[in-house]
Amino acid sequence: MNLSLSRRVKFHFRLYVADETQNSMRAIANLAALCREQLPDRYVIEIVDVFKEPKRALEDGILMTPTLVKLAPAPVRRIVGTLGDSQTVLLALDLETLDRAA
């Protein structure tokens, strides 16, 4: 991976949550903090509430919440949970090289 190129890439995340449950709110806060720290000005976060859009969640294969999907850049990656351990999230989403490049 070209690390200088990776610094310019825009990341697109979709976070599936279940209303305003405690785990959903934690996942939103943890993802926002991680993005601010690791990807300043290079990310888009889309929140999908599975209670408001159940058909979309099913079509996207979401069976548990919170579920985070990294849509771009490829490859697509998924992680389930509150995203509290940033190092695990970076590894799961294939973003660990960003930590070394900073």
C-alpha atoms as a PDB file:
ATOM      1  CA  MET A   1       0.000   0.000   0.000  1.00  0.00           C
ATOM      2  CA  ASN A   2       1.320   3.427  -0.912  1.00  0.00           C
ATOM      3  CA  LEU A   3       1.098   5.247   2.430  1.00  0.00           C
ATOM      4  CA  SER A   4       1.301   8.732   0.923  1.00  0.00           C
ATOM      5  CA  LEU A   5      -1.638   7.850  -1.335  1.00  0.00           C
ATOM      6  CA  SER A   6      -3.550   6.357   1.602  1.00  0.00           C
ATOM      7  CA  ARG A   7      -3.465   9.728   3.353  1.00  0.00           C
ATOM      8  CA  ARG A   8      -5.568  11.286   0.561  1.00  0.00           C
ATOM      9  CA  VAL A   9      -8.118   8.494   0.205  1.00  0.00           C
ATOM     10  CA  LYS A  10     -11.652   9.184   1.459  1.00  0.00           C
ATOM     11  CA  PHE A  11     -13.039   6.448   3.703  1.00  0.00           C
ATOM     12  CA  HIS A  12     -16.728   5.594   3.649  1.00  0.00           C
ATOM     13  CA  PHE A  13     -18.187   3.806   6.654  1.00  0.00           C
ATOM     14  CA  ARG A  14     -21.730   2.582   7.212  1.00  0.00           C
ATOM     15  CA  LEU A  15     -22.694   1.848  10.812  1.00  0.00           C
ATOM     16  CA  TYR A  16     -25.831  -0.192  11.437  1.00  0.00           C
ATOM     17  CA  VAL A  17     -27.389   0.537  14.825  1.00  0.00           C
ATOM     18  CA  ALA A  18     -30.544  -0.395  16.727  1.00  0.00           C
ATOM     19  CA  ASP A  19     -32.254   2.850  17.692  1.00  0.00           C
ATOM     20  CA  GLU A  20     -30.539   4.715  20.534  1.00  0.00           C
ATOM     21  CA  THR A  21     -29.475   1.702  22.580  1.00  0.00           C
ATOM     22  CA  GLN A  22     -26.413   2.008  24.799  1.00  0.00           C
ATOM     23  CA  ASN A  23     -24.289  -0.181  22.510  1.00  0.00           C
ATOM     24  CA  SER A  24     -25.365   1.761  19.439  1.00  0.00           C
ATOM     25  CA  MET A  25     -24.511   5.103  21.044  1.00  0.00           C
ATOM     26  CA  ARG A  26     -21.114   3.766  22.156  1.00  0.00           C
ATOM     27  CA  ALA A  27     -20.350   2.507  18.661  1.00  0.00           C
ATOM     28  CA  ILE A  28     -21.238   5.877  17.125  1.00  0.00           C
ATOM     29  CA  ALA A  29     -19.073   7.761  19.634  1.00  0.00           C
ATOM     30  CA  ASN A  30     -16.144   5.329  19.309  1.00  0.00           C
ATOM     31  CA  LEU A  31     -16.226   5.398  15.499  1.00  0.00           C
ATOM     32  CA  ALA A  32     -16.400   9.188  15.426  1.00  0.00           C
ATOM     33  CA  ALA A  33     -13.426   9.463  17.813  1.00  0.00           C
ATOM     34  CA  LEU A  34     -11.395   6.922  15.840  1.00  0.00           C
ATOM     35  CA  CYS A  35     -12.081   8.727  12.564  1.00  0.00           C
ATOM     36  CA  ARG A  36     -11.235  12.145  14.018  1.00  0.00           C
ATOM     37  CA  GLU A  37      -7.949  10.775  15.336  1.00  0.00           C
ATOM     38  CA  GLN A  38      -6.866   8.473  12.499  1.00  0.00           C
ATOM     39  CA  LEU A  39      -8.595   9.908   9.400  1.00  0.00           C
ATOM     40  CA  PRO A  40      -9.054  13.661   9.914  1.00  0.00           C
ATOM     41  CA  ASP A  41     -11.022  15.204   7.012  1.00  0.00           C
ATOM     42  CA  ARG A  42     -10.944  11.903   5.108  1.00  0.00           C
ATOM     43  CA  TYR A  43     -14.066  10.044   6.158  1.00  0.00           C
ATOM     44  CA  VAL A  44     -17.804   9.800   5.724  1.00  0.00           C
ATOM     45  CA  ILE A  45     -19.954   8.015   8.302  1.00  0.00           C
ATOM     46  CA  GLU A  46     -23.432   6.871   7.338  1.00  0.00           C
ATOM     47  CA  ILE A  47     -25.687   5.692  10.171  1.00  0.00           C
ATOM     48  CA  VAL A  48     -28.454   3.195   9.389  1.00  0.00           C
ATOM     49  CA  ASP A  49     -31.024   2.457  12.094  1.00  0.00           C
ATOM     50  CA  VAL A  50     -32.204  -1.106  11.509  1.00  0.00           C
ATOM     51  CA  PHE A  51     -35.537  -0.355  13.206  1.00  0.00           C
ATOM     52  CA  LYS A  52     -36.247   2.448  10.737  1.00  0.00           C
ATOM     53  CA  GLU A  53     -34.821   0.609   7.710  1.00  0.00           C
ATOM     54  CA  PRO A  54     -35.222  -3.139   8.427  1.00  0.00           C
ATOM     55  CA  LYS A  55     -35.482  -4.129   4.762  1.00  0.00           C
ATOM     56  CA  ARG A  56     -32.219  -2.386   3.934  1.00  0.00           C
ATOM     57  CA  ALA A  57     -30.453  -4.069   6.848  1.00  0.00           C
ATOM     58  CA  LEU A  58     -31.681  -7.498   5.718  1.00  0.00           C
ATOM     59  CA  GLU A  59     -30.721  -6.822   2.103  1.00  0.00           C
ATOM     60  CA  ASP A  60     -27.248  -5.824   3.308  1.00  0.00           C
ATOM     61  CA  GLY A  61     -26.964  -9.011   5.372  1.00  0.00           C
ATOM     62  CA  ILE A  62     -26.915  -7.295   8.757  1.00  0.00           C
ATOM     63  CA  LEU A  63     -27.957  -9.725  11.479  1.00  0.00           C
ATOM     64  CA  MET A  64     -26.448  -8.032  14.554  1.00  0.00           C
ATOM     65  CA  THR A  65     -25.959  -4.478  15.732  1.00  0.00           C
ATOM     66  CA  PRO A  66     -23.929  -2.468  15.978  1.00  0.00           C
ATOM     67  CA  THR A  67     -22.190  -3.533  12.762  1.00  0.00           C
ATOM     68  CA  LEU A  68     -19.654  -1.335  11.006  1.00  0.00           C
ATOM     69  CA  VAL A  69     -18.946  -1.765   7.308  1.00  0.00           C
ATOM     70  CA  LYS A  70     -15.986  -0.090   5.627  1.00  0.00           C
ATOM     71  CA  LEU A  71     -17.282   0.437   2.101  1.00  0.00           C
ATOM     72  CA  ALA A  72     -14.358   2.355   0.623  1.00  0.00           C
ATOM     73  CA  PRO A  73     -11.622   2.047  -0.170  1.00  0.00           C
ATOM     74  CA  ALA A  74     -11.781  -1.633  -1.119  1.00  0.00           C
ATOM     75  CA  PRO A  75     -11.779  -4.239   0.201  1.00  0.00           C
ATOM     76  CA  VAL A  76     -15.065  -4.087   2.086  1.00  0.00           C
ATOM     77  CA  ARG A  77     -14.604  -5.024   5.748  1.00  0.00           C
ATOM     78  CA  ARG A  78     -17.081  -5.641   8.602  1.00  0.00           C
ATOM     79  CA  ILE A  79     -16.811  -5.580  12.360  1.00  0.00           C
ATOM     80  CA  VAL A  80     -19.509  -6.134  14.984  1.00  0.00           C
ATOM     81  CA  GLY A  81     -19.519  -4.484  18.406  1.00  0.00           C
ATOM     82  CA  THR A  82     -19.133  -1.147  20.138  1.00  0.00           C
ATOM     83  CA  LEU A  83     -15.734  -0.459  18.522  1.00  0.00           C
ATOM     84  CA  GLY A  84     -14.188   0.306  21.905  1.00  0.00           C
ATOM     85  CA  ASP A  85     -10.767  -1.236  21.210  1.00  0.00           C
ATOM     86  CA  SER A  86      -9.355   1.032  18.523  1.00  0.00           C
ATOM     87  CA  GLN A  87      -6.367  -1.210  17.767  1.00  0.00           C
ATOM     88  CA  THR A  88      -8.694  -4.164  17.093  1.00  0.00           C
ATOM     89  CA  VAL A  89     -10.914  -1.975  14.915  1.00  0.00           C
ATOM     90  CA  LEU A  90      -7.911  -0.730  12.912  1.00  0.00           C
ATOM     91  CA  LEU A  91      -6.785  -4.321  12.328  1.00  0.00           C
ATOM     92  CA  ALA A  92     -10.269  -5.619  11.485  1.00  0.00           C
ATOM     93  CA  LEU A  93     -10.871  -2.844   8.960  1.00  0.00           C
ATOM     94  CA  ASP A  94      -7.408  -3.231   7.436  1.00  0.00           C
ATOM     95  CA  LEU A  95      -6.403   0.266   8.594  1.00  0.00           C
ATOM     96  CA  GLU A  96      -3.435  -0.683  10.785  1.00  0.00           C
ATOM     97  CA  THR A  97      -0.990   0.806   8.260  1.00  0.00           C
ATOM     98  CA  LEU A  98      -2.480   4.234   8.965  1.00  0.00           C
ATOM     99  CA  ASP A  99      -1.360   3.950  12.575  1.00  0.00           C
ATOM    100  CA  ARG A 100       2.246   3.415  11.448  1.00  0.00           C
ATOM    101  CA  ALA A 101       2.067   6.148   8.812  1.00  0.00           C
ATOM    102  CA  ALA A 102       0.927   8.870  11.206  1.00  0.00           C
END
